[in-house]
Amino acid sequence: MDHQLAAQDAQDAQDPQGRRLTPRRAYPTDFSDREWATLEPLVPRAIAYPNLQQPIHSRREIMNAIRYRTRTGCAWRLLPHDFPPWKTVYNTYRNWAKTGAVKAIHDSLAE
């Protein structure tokens, strides 16, 4: 019984900002390692400014959330909670769309 509780606590572990510390289970819409190797050079990196916090969420997790939303047709606010926050995913998508990164990623996937 105690072992089950400990396992559940470890599964639900969060850092002080409430971010999940354990990896999530993969969704069928997640990018494979092969797909990610193709896309990674096309996905913009966060701009690093001195004295600012490093990005909290990986580009791959944001891309997985965008792909989940695209494939399922759910509203941004209805993204599952184990993805980065919906506002982060939406704002990132919007910024990438403005810079043309979304079109480049789409064209790469279409090949």
PDB file of N, CA and C in Angstrom:
ATOM      1  N   MET A   1       0.828  -1.186   0.000  1.00  0.00           N
ATOM      2  CA  MET A   1       0.000   0.000   0.000  1.00  0.00           C
ATOM      3  C   MET A   1       0.875   1.254   0.000  1.00  0.00           C
ATOM      4  N   ASP A   2       1.883   1.326   0.903  1.00  0.00           N
ATOM      5  CA  ASP A   2       2.762   2.488   0.953  1.00  0.00           C
ATOM      6  C   ASP A   2       3.532   2.649  -0.351  1.00  0.00           C
ATOM      7  N   HIS A   3       3.886   1.523  -0.963  1.00  0.00           N
ATOM      8  CA  HIS A   3       4.608   1.573  -2.236  1.00  0.00           C
ATOM      9  C   HIS A   3       3.755   2.251  -3.307  1.00  0.00           C
ATOM     10  N   GLN A   4       2.463   1.958  -3.338  1.00  0.00           N
ATOM     11  CA  GLN A   4       1.569   2.570  -4.322  1.00  0.00           C
ATOM     12  C   GLN A   4       1.454   4.075  -4.088  1.00  0.00           C
ATOM     13  N   LEU A   5       1.361   4.484  -2.829  1.00  0.00           N
ATOM     14  CA  LEU A   5       1.269   5.905  -2.523  1.00  0.00           C
ATOM     15  C   LEU A   5       2.553   6.633  -2.919  1.00  0.00           C
ATOM     16  N   ALA A   6       3.700   6.012  -2.649  1.00  0.00           N
ATOM     17  CA  ALA A   6       4.977   6.619  -3.019  1.00  0.00           C
ATOM     18  C   ALA A   6       5.093   6.753  -4.533  1.00  0.00           C
ATOM     19  N   ALA A   7       4.645   5.748  -5.249  1.00  0.00           N
ATOM     20  CA  ALA A   7       4.689   5.801  -6.707  1.00  0.00           C
ATOM     21  C   ALA A   7       3.786   6.915  -7.229  1.00  0.00           C
ATOM     22  N   GLN A   8       2.613   7.073  -6.634  1.00  0.00           N
ATOM     23  CA  GLN A   8       1.702   8.141  -7.050  1.00  0.00           C
ATOM     24  C   GLN A   8       2.295   9.508  -6.736  1.00  0.00           C
ATOM     25  N   ASP A   9       2.924   9.663  -5.570  1.00  0.00           N
ATOM     26  CA  ASP A   9       3.561  10.934  -5.212  1.00  0.00           C
ATOM     27  C   ASP A   9       4.674  11.267  -6.195  1.00  0.00           C
ATOM     28  N   ALA A  10       5.461  10.269  -6.569  1.00  0.00           N
ATOM     29  CA  ALA A  10       6.547  10.503  -7.528  1.00  0.00           C
ATOM     30  C   ALA A  10       5.977  10.885  -8.882  1.00  0.00           C
ATOM     31  N   GLN A  11       4.864  10.279  -9.263  1.00  0.00           N
ATOM     32  CA  GLN A  11       4.250  10.580 -10.553  1.00  0.00           C
ATOM     33  C   GLN A  11       3.707  12.004 -10.568  1.00  0.00           C
ATOM     34  N   ASP A  12       3.218  12.487  -9.443  1.00  0.00           N
ATOM     35  CA  ASP A  12       2.623  13.818  -9.366  1.00  0.00           C
ATOM     36  C   ASP A  12       3.609  14.885  -8.896  1.00  0.00           C
ATOM     37  N   ALA A  13       4.893  14.555  -8.804  1.00  0.00           N
ATOM     38  CA  ALA A  13       5.881  15.495  -8.294  1.00  0.00           C
ATOM     39  C   ALA A  13       5.923  16.753  -9.155  1.00  0.00           C
ATOM     40  N   GLN A  14       6.017  17.905  -8.483  1.00  0.00           N
ATOM     41  CA  GLN A  14       6.096  19.183  -9.178  1.00  0.00           C
ATOM     42  C   GLN A  14       7.180  20.029  -8.535  1.00  0.00           C
ATOM     43  N   ASP A  15       7.745  20.935  -9.326  1.00  0.00           N
ATOM     44  CA  ASP A  15       8.717  21.866  -8.768  1.00  0.00           C
ATOM     45  C   ASP A  15       7.953  23.035  -8.132  1.00  0.00           C
ATOM     46  N   PRO A  16       8.647  23.993  -7.509  1.00  0.00           N
ATOM     47  CA  PRO A  16       7.949  25.091  -6.823  1.00  0.00           C
ATOM     48  C   PRO A  16       7.031  25.918  -7.731  1.00  0.00           C
ATOM     49  N   GLN A  17       7.305  25.967  -9.029  1.00  0.00           N
ATOM     50  CA  GLN A  17       6.442  26.713  -9.943  1.00  0.00           C
ATOM     51  C   GLN A  17       5.269  25.873 -10.447  1.00  0.00           C
ATOM     52  N   GLY A  18       5.146  24.642  -9.987  1.00  0.00           N
ATOM     53  CA  GLY A  18       4.027  23.792 -10.375  1.00  0.00           C
ATOM     54  C   GLY A  18       4.250  23.007 -11.653  1.00  0.00           C
ATOM     55  N   ARG A  19       5.480  22.986 -12.161  1.00  0.00           N
ATOM     56  CA  ARG A  19       5.763  22.230 -13.388  1.00  0.00           C
ATOM     57  C   ARG A  19       5.996  20.767 -13.039  1.00  0.00           C
ATOM     58  N   ARG A  20       5.529  19.910 -13.903  1.00  0.00           N
ATOM     59  CA  ARG A  20       5.659  18.470 -13.713  1.00  0.00           C
ATOM     60  C   ARG A  20       7.128  18.059 -13.825  1.00  0.00           C
ATOM     61  N   LEU A  21       7.591  17.231 -12.909  1.00  0.00           N
ATOM     62  CA  LEU A  21       8.977  16.779 -12.908  1.00  0.00           C
ATOM     63  C   LEU A  21       9.156  15.418 -13.569  1.00  0.00           C
ATOM     64  N   THR A  22       8.083  14.706 -13.755  1.00  0.00           N
ATOM     65  CA  THR A  22       8.187  13.385 -14.370  1.00  0.00           C
ATOM     66  C   THR A  22       7.728  13.471 -15.826  1.00  0.00           C
ATOM     67  N   PRO A  23       8.316  12.662 -16.702  1.00  0.00           N
ATOM     68  CA  PRO A  23       7.897  12.715 -18.104  1.00  0.00           C
ATOM     69  C   PRO A  23       6.460  12.211 -18.262  1.00  0.00           C
ATOM     70  N   ARG A  24       5.789  12.756 -19.239  1.00  0.00           N
ATOM     71  CA  ARG A  24       4.404  12.345 -19.485  1.00  0.00           C
ATOM     72  C   ARG A  24       4.375  11.166 -20.440  1.00  0.00           C
ATOM     73  N   ARG A  25       3.247  10.491 -20.490  1.00  0.00           N
ATOM     74  CA  ARG A  25       3.072   9.428 -21.472  1.00  0.00           C
ATOM     75  C   ARG A  25       2.899  10.049 -22.852  1.00  0.00           C
ATOM     76  N   ALA A  26       3.396   9.361 -23.864  1.00  0.00           N
ATOM     77  CA  ALA A  26       3.323   9.883 -25.227  1.00  0.00           C
ATOM     78  C   ALA A  26       1.906   9.781 -25.778  1.00  0.00           C
ATOM     79  N   TYR A  27       1.533  10.786 -26.556  1.00  0.00           N
ATOM     80  CA  TYR A  27       0.283  10.756 -27.304  1.00  0.00           C
ATOM     81  C   TYR A  27       0.576  10.213 -28.694  1.00  0.00           C
ATOM     82  N   PRO A  28      -0.415   9.647 -29.367  1.00  0.00           N
ATOM     83  CA  PRO A  28      -0.188   9.165 -30.741  1.00  0.00           C
ATOM     84  C   PRO A  28       0.227  10.290 -31.693  1.00  0.00           C
ATOM     85  N   THR A  29      -0.076  11.533 -31.338  1.00  0.00           N
ATOM     86  CA  THR A  29       0.255  12.667 -32.201  1.00  0.00           C
ATOM     87  C   THR A  29       1.663  13.206 -31.965  1.00  0.00           C
ATOM     88  N   ASP A  30       2.376  12.710 -30.954  1.00  0.00           N
ATOM     89  CA  ASP A  30       3.726  13.204 -30.667  1.00  0.00           C
ATOM     90  C   ASP A  30       4.662  12.917 -31.834  1.00  0.00           C
ATOM     91  N   PHE A  31       5.617  13.826 -32.036  1.00  0.00           N
ATOM     92  CA  PHE A  31       6.609  13.641 -33.089  1.00  0.00           C
ATOM     93  C   PHE A  31       7.552  12.506 -32.715  1.00  0.00           C
ATOM     94  N   SER A  32       7.844  11.655 -33.674  1.00  0.00           N
ATOM     95  CA  SER A  32       8.834  10.596 -33.455  1.00  0.00           C
ATOM     96  C   SER A  32      10.219  11.240 -33.453  1.00  0.00           C
ATOM     97  N   ASP A  33      11.215  10.508 -32.999  1.00  0.00           N
ATOM     98  CA  ASP A  33      12.579  11.022 -32.999  1.00  0.00           C
ATOM     99  C   ASP A  33      13.030  11.357 -34.417  1.00  0.00           C
ATOM    100  N   ARG A  34      12.631  10.547 -35.362  1.00  0.00           N
ATOM    101  CA  ARG A  34      13.006  10.779 -36.766  1.00  0.00           C
ATOM    102  C   ARG A  34      12.364  12.069 -37.289  1.00  0.00           C
ATOM    103  N   GLU A  35      11.064  12.248 -37.010  1.00  0.00           N
ATOM    104  CA  GLU A  35      10.388  13.466 -37.435  1.00  0.00           C
ATOM    105  C   GLU A  35      11.009  14.696 -36.768  1.00  0.00           C
ATOM    106  N   TRP A  36      11.302  14.572 -35.472  1.00  0.00           N
ATOM    107  CA  TRP A  36      11.871  15.702 -34.742  1.00  0.00           C
ATOM    108  C   TRP A  36      13.254  16.058 -35.285  1.00  0.00           C
ATOM    109  N   ALA A  37      14.032  15.081 -35.674  1.00  0.00           N
ATOM    110  CA  ALA A  37      15.355  15.361 -36.247  1.00  0.00           C
ATOM    111  C   ALA A  37      15.229  16.185 -37.523  1.00  0.00           C
ATOM    112  N   THR A  38      14.171  15.948 -38.290  1.00  0.00           N
ATOM    113  CA  THR A  38      13.928  16.717 -39.510  1.00  0.00           C
ATOM    114  C   THR A  38      13.451  18.132 -39.189  1.00  0.00           C
ATOM    115  N   LEU A  39      12.594  18.249 -38.179  1.00  0.00           N
ATOM    116  CA  LEU A  39      11.976  19.538 -37.865  1.00  0.00           C
ATOM    117  C   LEU A  39      12.810  20.445 -36.974  1.00  0.00           C
ATOM    118  N   GLU A  40      13.618  19.881 -36.122  1.00  0.00           N
ATOM    119  CA  GLU A  40      14.325  20.679 -35.121  1.00  0.00           C
ATOM    120  C   GLU A  40      15.056  21.885 -35.707  1.00  0.00           C
ATOM    121  N   PRO A  41      15.770  21.739 -36.836  1.00  0.00           N
ATOM    122  CA  PRO A  41      16.449  22.920 -37.379  1.00  0.00           C
ATOM    123  C   PRO A  41      15.489  24.021 -37.846  1.00  0.00           C
ATOM    124  N   LEU A  42      14.241  23.675 -38.127  1.00  0.00           N
ATOM    125  CA  LEU A  42      13.267  24.651 -38.606  1.00  0.00           C
ATOM    126  C   LEU A  42      12.532  25.380 -37.492  1.00  0.00           C
ATOM    127  N   VAL A  43      12.537  24.796 -36.299  1.00  0.00           N
ATOM    128  CA  VAL A  43      11.786  25.367 -35.182  1.00  0.00           C
ATOM    129  C   VAL A  43      12.633  26.461 -34.534  1.00  0.00           C
ATOM    130  N   PRO A  44      12.106  27.692 -34.489  1.00  0.00           N
ATOM    131  CA  PRO A  44      12.888  28.803 -33.924  1.00  0.00           C
ATOM    132  C   PRO A  44      13.250  28.573 -32.463  1.00  0.00           C
ATOM    133  N   ARG A  45      14.450  28.988 -32.128  1.00  0.00           N
ATOM    134  CA  ARG A  45      14.893  28.930 -30.727  1.00  0.00           C
ATOM    135  C   ARG A  45      14.407  30.190 -30.018  1.00  0.00           C
ATOM    136  N   ALA A  46      14.249  30.083 -28.718  1.00  0.00           N
ATOM    137  CA  ALA A  46      13.876  31.254 -27.924  1.00  0.00           C
ATOM    138  C   ALA A  46      15.032  32.243 -27.937  1.00  0.00           C
ATOM    139  N   ILE A  47      14.697  33.504 -27.932  1.00  0.00           N
ATOM    140  CA  ILE A  47      15.725  34.539 -27.884  1.00  0.00           C
ATOM    141  C   ILE A  47      16.226  34.633 -26.461  1.00  0.00           C
ATOM    142  N   ALA A  48      17.524  34.528 -26.299  1.00  0.00           N
ATOM    143  CA  ALA A  48      18.123  34.566 -24.958  1.00  0.00           C
ATOM    144  C   ALA A  48      18.582  35.985 -24.643  1.00  0.00           C
ATOM    145  N   TYR A  49      18.084  36.515 -23.559  1.00  0.00           N
ATOM    146  CA  TYR A  49      18.501  37.824 -23.087  1.00  0.00           C
ATOM    147  C   TYR A  49      19.245  37.644 -21.773  1.00  0.00           C
ATOM    148  N   PRO A  50      20.290  38.433 -21.534  1.00  0.00           N
ATOM    149  CA  PRO A  50      20.997  38.335 -20.259  1.00  0.00           C
ATOM    150  C   PRO A  50      20.035  38.598 -19.095  1.00  0.00           C
ATOM    151  N   ASN A  51      20.254  37.902 -18.019  1.00  0.00           N
ATOM    152  CA  ASN A  51      19.498  38.076 -16.769  1.00  0.00           C
ATOM    153  C   ASN A  51      18.039  37.642 -16.864  1.00  0.00           C
ATOM    154  N   LEU A  52      17.668  36.944 -17.915  1.00  0.00           N
ATOM    155  CA  LEU A  52      16.303  36.435 -17.998  1.00  0.00           C
ATOM    156  C   LEU A  52      16.295  34.922 -17.847  1.00  0.00           C
ATOM    157  N   GLN A  53      15.175  34.429 -17.416  1.00  0.00           N
ATOM    158  CA  GLN A  53      15.014  32.995 -17.195  1.00  0.00           C
ATOM    159  C   GLN A  53      15.092  32.228 -18.513  1.00  0.00           C
ATOM    160  N   GLN A  54      15.686  31.073 -18.461  1.00  0.00           N
ATOM    161  CA  GLN A  54      15.724  30.188 -19.622  1.00  0.00           C
ATOM    162  C   GLN A  54      14.302  29.696 -19.907  1.00  0.00           C
ATOM    163  N   PRO A  55      14.014  29.321 -21.158  1.00  0.00           N
ATOM    164  CA  PRO A  55      12.675  28.800 -21.451  1.00  0.00           C
ATOM    165  C   PRO A  55      12.336  27.608 -20.554  1.00  0.00           C
ATOM    166  N   ILE A  56      11.109  27.567 -20.117  1.00  0.00           N
ATOM    167  CA  ILE A  56      10.649  26.509 -19.219  1.00  0.00           C
ATOM    168  C   ILE A  56      10.291  25.249 -20.000  1.00  0.00           C
ATOM    169  N   HIS A  57       9.676  25.435 -21.156  1.00  0.00           N
ATOM    170  CA  HIS A  57       9.161  24.309 -21.931  1.00  0.00           C
ATOM    171  C   HIS A  57      10.009  24.092 -23.173  1.00  0.00           C
ATOM    172  N   SER A  58      10.244  22.847 -23.499  1.00  0.00           N
ATOM    173  CA  SER A  58      11.061  22.532 -24.671  1.00  0.00           C
ATOM    174  C   SER A  58      10.283  22.830 -25.950  1.00  0.00           C
ATOM    175  N   ARG A  59      11.021  23.125 -26.997  1.00  0.00           N
ATOM    176  CA  ARG A  59      10.395  23.370 -28.298  1.00  0.00           C
ATOM    177  C   ARG A  59       9.653  22.131 -28.771  1.00  0.00           C
ATOM    178  N   ARG A  60      10.198  20.976 -28.468  1.00  0.00           N
ATOM    179  CA  ARG A  60       9.546  19.733 -28.902  1.00  0.00           C
ATOM    180  C   ARG A  60       8.189  19.560 -28.216  1.00  0.00           C
ATOM    181  N   GLU A  61       8.098  19.880 -26.930  1.00  0.00           N
ATOM    182  CA  GLU A  61       6.820  19.760 -26.230  1.00  0.00           C
ATOM    183  C   GLU A  61       5.806  20.758 -26.776  1.00  0.00           C
ATOM    184  N   ILE A  62       6.260  21.946 -27.112  1.00  0.00           N
ATOM    185  CA  ILE A  62       5.360  22.930 -27.701  1.00  0.00           C
ATOM    186  C   ILE A  62       4.881  22.440 -29.067  1.00  0.00           C
ATOM    187  N   MET A  63       5.800  21.895 -29.856  1.00  0.00           N
ATOM    188  CA  MET A  63       5.415  21.348 -31.162  1.00  0.00           C
ATOM    189  C   MET A  63       4.452  20.166 -31.002  1.00  0.00           C
ATOM    190  N   ASN A  64       4.690  19.314 -30.013  1.00  0.00           N
ATOM    191  CA  ASN A  64       3.774  18.195 -29.768  1.00  0.00           C
ATOM    192  C   ASN A  64       2.377  18.711 -29.427  1.00  0.00           C
ATOM    193  N   ALA A  65       2.305  19.787 -28.626  1.00  0.00           N
ATOM    194  CA  ALA A  65       1.009  20.360 -28.254  1.00  0.00           C
ATOM    195  C   ALA A  65       0.315  20.969 -29.470  1.00  0.00           C
ATOM    196  N   ILE A  66       1.080  21.664 -30.317  1.00  0.00           N
ATOM    197  CA  ILE A  66       0.498  22.252 -31.526  1.00  0.00           C
ATOM    198  C   ILE A  66      -0.028  21.150 -32.444  1.00  0.00           C
ATOM    199  N   ARG A  67       0.748  20.093 -32.590  1.00  0.00           N
ATOM    200  CA  ARG A  67       0.310  18.992 -33.451  1.00  0.00           C
ATOM    201  C   ARG A  67      -0.925  18.299 -32.872  1.00  0.00           C
ATOM    202  N   TYR A  68      -0.957  18.107 -31.554  1.00  0.00           N
ATOM    203  CA  TYR A  68      -2.129  17.506 -30.906  1.00  0.00           C
ATOM    204  C   TYR A  68      -3.367  18.337 -31.202  1.00  0.00           C
ATOM    205  N   ARG A  69      -3.255  19.642 -31.036  1.00  0.00           N
ATOM    206  CA  ARG A  69      -4.383  20.532 -31.273  1.00  0.00           C
ATOM    207  C   ARG A  69      -4.812  20.497 -32.737  1.00  0.00           C
ATOM    208  N   THR A  70      -3.845  20.475 -33.644  1.00  0.00           N
ATOM    209  CA  THR A  70      -4.160  20.450 -35.069  1.00  0.00           C
ATOM    210  C   THR A  70      -4.853  19.151 -35.457  1.00  0.00           C
ATOM    211  N   ARG A  71      -4.335  18.033 -34.959  1.00  0.00           N
ATOM    212  CA  ARG A  71      -4.892  16.730 -35.339  1.00  0.00           C
ATOM    213  C   ARG A  71      -6.250  16.460 -34.694  1.00  0.00           C
ATOM    214  N   THR A  72      -6.448  16.935 -33.458  1.00  0.00           N
ATOM    215  CA  THR A  72      -7.704  16.640 -32.763  1.00  0.00           C
ATOM    216  C   THR A  72      -8.758  17.714 -32.998  1.00  0.00           C
ATOM    217  N   GLY A  73      -8.332  18.918 -33.366  1.00  0.00           N
ATOM    218  CA  GLY A  73      -9.278  20.009 -33.576  1.00  0.00           C
ATOM    219  C   GLY A  73      -9.808  20.624 -32.300  1.00  0.00           C
ATOM    220  N   CYS A  74      -9.175  20.355 -31.183  1.00  0.00           N
ATOM    221  CA  CYS A  74      -9.652  20.911 -29.914  1.00  0.00           C
ATOM    222  C   CYS A  74      -9.334  22.407 -29.841  1.00  0.00           C
ATOM    223  N   ALA A  75     -10.034  23.104 -28.987  1.00  0.00           N
ATOM    224  CA  ALA A  75      -9.742  24.511 -28.745  1.00  0.00           C
ATOM    225  C   ALA A  75      -8.425  24.623 -27.984  1.00  0.00           C
ATOM    226  N   TRP A  76      -7.759  25.767 -28.138  1.00  0.00           N
ATOM    227  CA  TRP A  76      -6.481  25.968 -27.440  1.00  0.00           C
ATOM    228  C   TRP A  76      -6.641  25.726 -25.946  1.00  0.00           C
ATOM    229  N   ARG A  77      -7.708  26.237 -25.385  1.00  0.00           N
ATOM    230  CA  ARG A  77      -7.919  26.115 -23.931  1.00  0.00           C
ATOM    231  C   ARG A  77      -8.172  24.677 -23.482  1.00  0.00           C
ATOM    232  N   LEU A  78      -8.467  23.798 -24.415  1.00  0.00           N
ATOM    233  CA  LEU A  78      -8.769  22.407 -24.067  1.00  0.00           C
ATOM    234  C   LEU A  78      -7.579  21.466 -24.243  1.00  0.00           C
ATOM    235  N   LEU A  79      -6.383  22.027 -24.448  1.00  0.00           N
ATOM    236  CA  LEU A  79      -5.202  21.159 -24.510  1.00  0.00           C
ATOM    237  C   LEU A  79      -5.067  20.402 -23.194  1.00  0.00           C
ATOM    238  N   PRO A  80      -4.684  19.137 -23.235  1.00  0.00           N
ATOM    239  CA  PRO A  80      -4.486  18.386 -21.988  1.00  0.00           C
ATOM    240  C   PRO A  80      -3.473  19.084 -21.076  1.00  0.00           C
ATOM    241  N   HIS A  81      -3.654  18.915 -19.800  1.00  0.00           N
ATOM    242  CA  HIS A  81      -2.834  19.607 -18.813  1.00  0.00           C
ATOM    243  C   HIS A  81      -1.393  19.131 -18.745  1.00  0.00           C
ATOM    244  N   ASP A  82      -1.076  18.009 -19.370  1.00  0.00           N
ATOM    245  CA  ASP A  82       0.320  17.566 -19.321  1.00  0.00           C
ATOM    246  C   ASP A  82       1.158  18.168 -20.445  1.00  0.00           C
ATOM    247  N   PHE A  83       0.540  18.991 -21.303  1.00  0.00           N
ATOM    248  CA  PHE A  83       1.290  19.808 -22.256  1.00  0.00           C
ATOM    249  C   PHE A  83       1.628  21.134 -21.563  1.00  0.00           C
ATOM    250  N   PRO A  84       2.497  21.941 -22.176  1.00  0.00           N
ATOM    251  CA  PRO A  84       2.707  23.285 -21.609  1.00  0.00           C
ATOM    252  C   PRO A  84       1.371  24.038 -21.573  1.00  0.00           C
ATOM    253  N   PRO A  85       1.285  25.100 -20.765  1.00  0.00           N
ATOM    254  CA  PRO A  85       0.027  25.847 -20.683  1.00  0.00           C
ATOM    255  C   PRO A  85      -0.456  26.307 -22.062  1.00  0.00           C
ATOM    256  N   TRP A  86      -1.772  26.294 -22.249  1.00  0.00           N
ATOM    257  CA  TRP A  86      -2.329  26.603 -23.559  1.00  0.00           C
ATOM    258  C   TRP A  86      -1.922  27.990 -24.045  1.00  0.00           C
ATOM    259  N   LYS A  87      -1.822  28.974 -23.143  1.00  0.00           N
ATOM    260  CA  LYS A  87      -1.439  30.325 -23.557  1.00  0.00           C
ATOM    261  C   LYS A  87      -0.010  30.345 -24.100  1.00  0.00           C
ATOM    262  N   THR A  88       0.859  29.576 -23.482  1.00  0.00           N
ATOM    263  CA  THR A  88       2.243  29.482 -23.956  1.00  0.00           C
ATOM    264  C   THR A  88       2.271  28.871 -25.349  1.00  0.00           C
ATOM    265  N   VAL A  89       1.524  27.787 -25.532  1.00  0.00           N
ATOM    266  CA  VAL A  89       1.490  27.107 -26.826  1.00  0.00           C
ATOM    267  C   VAL A  89       0.881  28.024 -27.882  1.00  0.00           C
ATOM    268  N   TYR A  90      -0.233  28.679 -27.554  1.00  0.00           N
ATOM    269  CA  TYR A  90      -0.897  29.562 -28.510  1.00  0.00           C
ATOM    270  C   TYR A  90       0.002  30.739 -28.894  1.00  0.00           C
ATOM    271  N   ASN A  91       0.583  31.416 -27.908  1.00  0.00           N
ATOM    272  CA  ASN A  91       1.435  32.573 -28.205  1.00  0.00           C
ATOM    273  C   ASN A  91       2.661  32.175 -29.017  1.00  0.00           C
ATOM    274  N   THR A  92       3.225  31.022 -28.713  1.00  0.00           N
ATOM    275  CA  THR A  92       4.367  30.541 -29.484  1.00  0.00           C
ATOM    276  C   THR A  92       3.950  30.265 -30.919  1.00  0.00           C
ATOM    277  N   TYR A  93       2.824  29.588 -31.095  1.00  0.00           N
ATOM    278  CA  TYR A  93       2.317  29.308 -32.436  1.00  0.00           C
ATOM    279  C   TYR A  93       2.077  30.611 -33.208  1.00  0.00           C
ATOM    280  N   ARG A  94       1.442  31.567 -32.561  1.00  0.00           N
ATOM    281  CA  ARG A  94       1.141  32.843 -33.206  1.00  0.00           C
ATOM    282  C   ARG A  94       2.419  33.560 -33.639  1.00  0.00           C
ATOM    283  N   ASN A  95       3.434  33.574 -32.761  1.00  0.00           N
ATOM    284  CA  ASN A  95       4.708  34.212 -33.108  1.00  0.00           C
ATOM    285  C   ASN A  95       5.389  33.488 -34.265  1.00  0.00           C
ATOM    286  N   TRP A  96       5.380  32.176 -34.241  1.00  0.00           N
ATOM    287  CA  TRP A  96       6.003  31.410 -35.323  1.00  0.00           C
ATOM    288  C   TRP A  96       5.246  31.616 -36.639  1.00  0.00           C
ATOM    289  N   ALA A  97       3.929  31.754 -36.572  1.00  0.00           N
ATOM    290  CA  ALA A  97       3.144  31.990 -37.789  1.00  0.00           C
ATOM    291  C   ALA A  97       3.510  33.352 -38.389  1.00  0.00           C
ATOM    292  N   LYS A  98       3.701  34.352 -37.551  1.00  0.00           N
ATOM    293  CA  LYS A  98       4.059  35.695 -38.029  1.00  0.00           C
ATOM    294  C   LYS A  98       5.415  35.708 -38.722  1.00  0.00           C
ATOM    295  N   THR A  99       6.346  34.895 -38.236  1.00  0.00           N
ATOM    296  CA  THR A  99       7.698  34.885 -38.801  1.00  0.00           C
ATOM    297  C   THR A  99       7.855  33.935 -39.982  1.00  0.00           C
ATOM    298  N   GLY A 100       6.824  33.162 -40.285  1.00  0.00           N
ATOM    299  CA  GLY A 100       6.892  32.233 -41.403  1.00  0.00           C
ATOM    300  C   GLY A 100       7.411  30.850 -41.029  1.00  0.00           C
ATOM    301  N   ALA A 101       7.715  30.636 -39.763  1.00  0.00           N
ATOM    302  CA  ALA A 101       8.239  29.337 -39.329  1.00  0.00           C
ATOM    303  C   ALA A 101       7.195  28.236 -39.475  1.00  0.00           C
ATOM    304  N   VAL A 102       5.936  28.547 -39.223  1.00  0.00           N
ATOM    305  CA  VAL A 102       4.885  27.540 -39.330  1.00  0.00           C
ATOM    306  C   VAL A 102       4.777  27.039 -40.770  1.00  0.00           C
ATOM    307  N   LYS A 103       4.857  27.943 -41.740  1.00  0.00           N
ATOM    308  CA  LYS A 103       4.799  27.541 -43.146  1.00  0.00           C
ATOM    309  C   LYS A 103       5.988  26.663 -43.512  1.00  0.00           C
ATOM    310  N   ALA A 104       7.182  27.017 -43.045  1.00  0.00           N
ATOM    311  CA  ALA A 104       8.372  26.210 -43.337  1.00  0.00           C
ATOM    312  C   ALA A 104       8.245  24.820 -42.730  1.00  0.00           C
ATOM    313  N   ILE A 105       7.724  24.742 -41.507  1.00  0.00           N
ATOM    314  CA  ILE A 105       7.540  23.447 -40.849  1.00  0.00           C
ATOM    315  C   ILE A 105       6.486  22.636 -41.612  1.00  0.00           C
ATOM    316  N   HIS A 106       5.393  23.271 -41.985  1.00  0.00           N
ATOM    317  CA  HIS A 106       4.341  22.582 -42.738  1.00  0.00           C
ATOM    318  C   HIS A 106       4.879  22.044 -44.057  1.00  0.00           C
ATOM    319  N   ASP A 107       5.625  22.862 -44.788  1.00  0.00           N
ATOM    320  CA  ASP A 107       6.169  22.431 -46.074  1.00  0.00           C
ATOM    321  C   ASP A 107       7.136  21.270 -45.894  1.00  0.00           C
ATOM    322  N   SER A 108       7.906  21.291 -44.809  1.00  0.00           N
ATOM    323  CA  SER A 108       8.844  20.194 -44.540  1.00  0.00           C
ATOM    324  C   SER A 108       8.095  18.893 -44.265  1.00  0.00           C
ATOM    325  N   LEU A 109       6.998  18.977 -43.526  1.00  0.00           N
ATOM    326  CA  LEU A 109       6.215  17.774 -43.223  1.00  0.00           C
ATOM    327  C   LEU A 109       5.502  17.245 -44.466  1.00  0.00           C
ATOM    328  N   ALA A 110       5.152  18.140 -45.378  1.00  0.00           N
ATOM    329  CA  ALA A 110       4.418  17.735 -46.573  1.00  0.00           C
ATOM    330  C   ALA A 110       5.310  16.981 -47.566  1.00  0.00           C
ATOM    331  N   GLU A 111       6.619  17.128 -47.453  1.00  0.00           N
ATOM    332  CA  GLU A 111       7.534  16.464 -48.386  1.00  0.00           C
ATOM    333  C   GLU A 111       7.583  14.973 -48.183  1.00  0.00           C
TER     334      GLU A 111
END
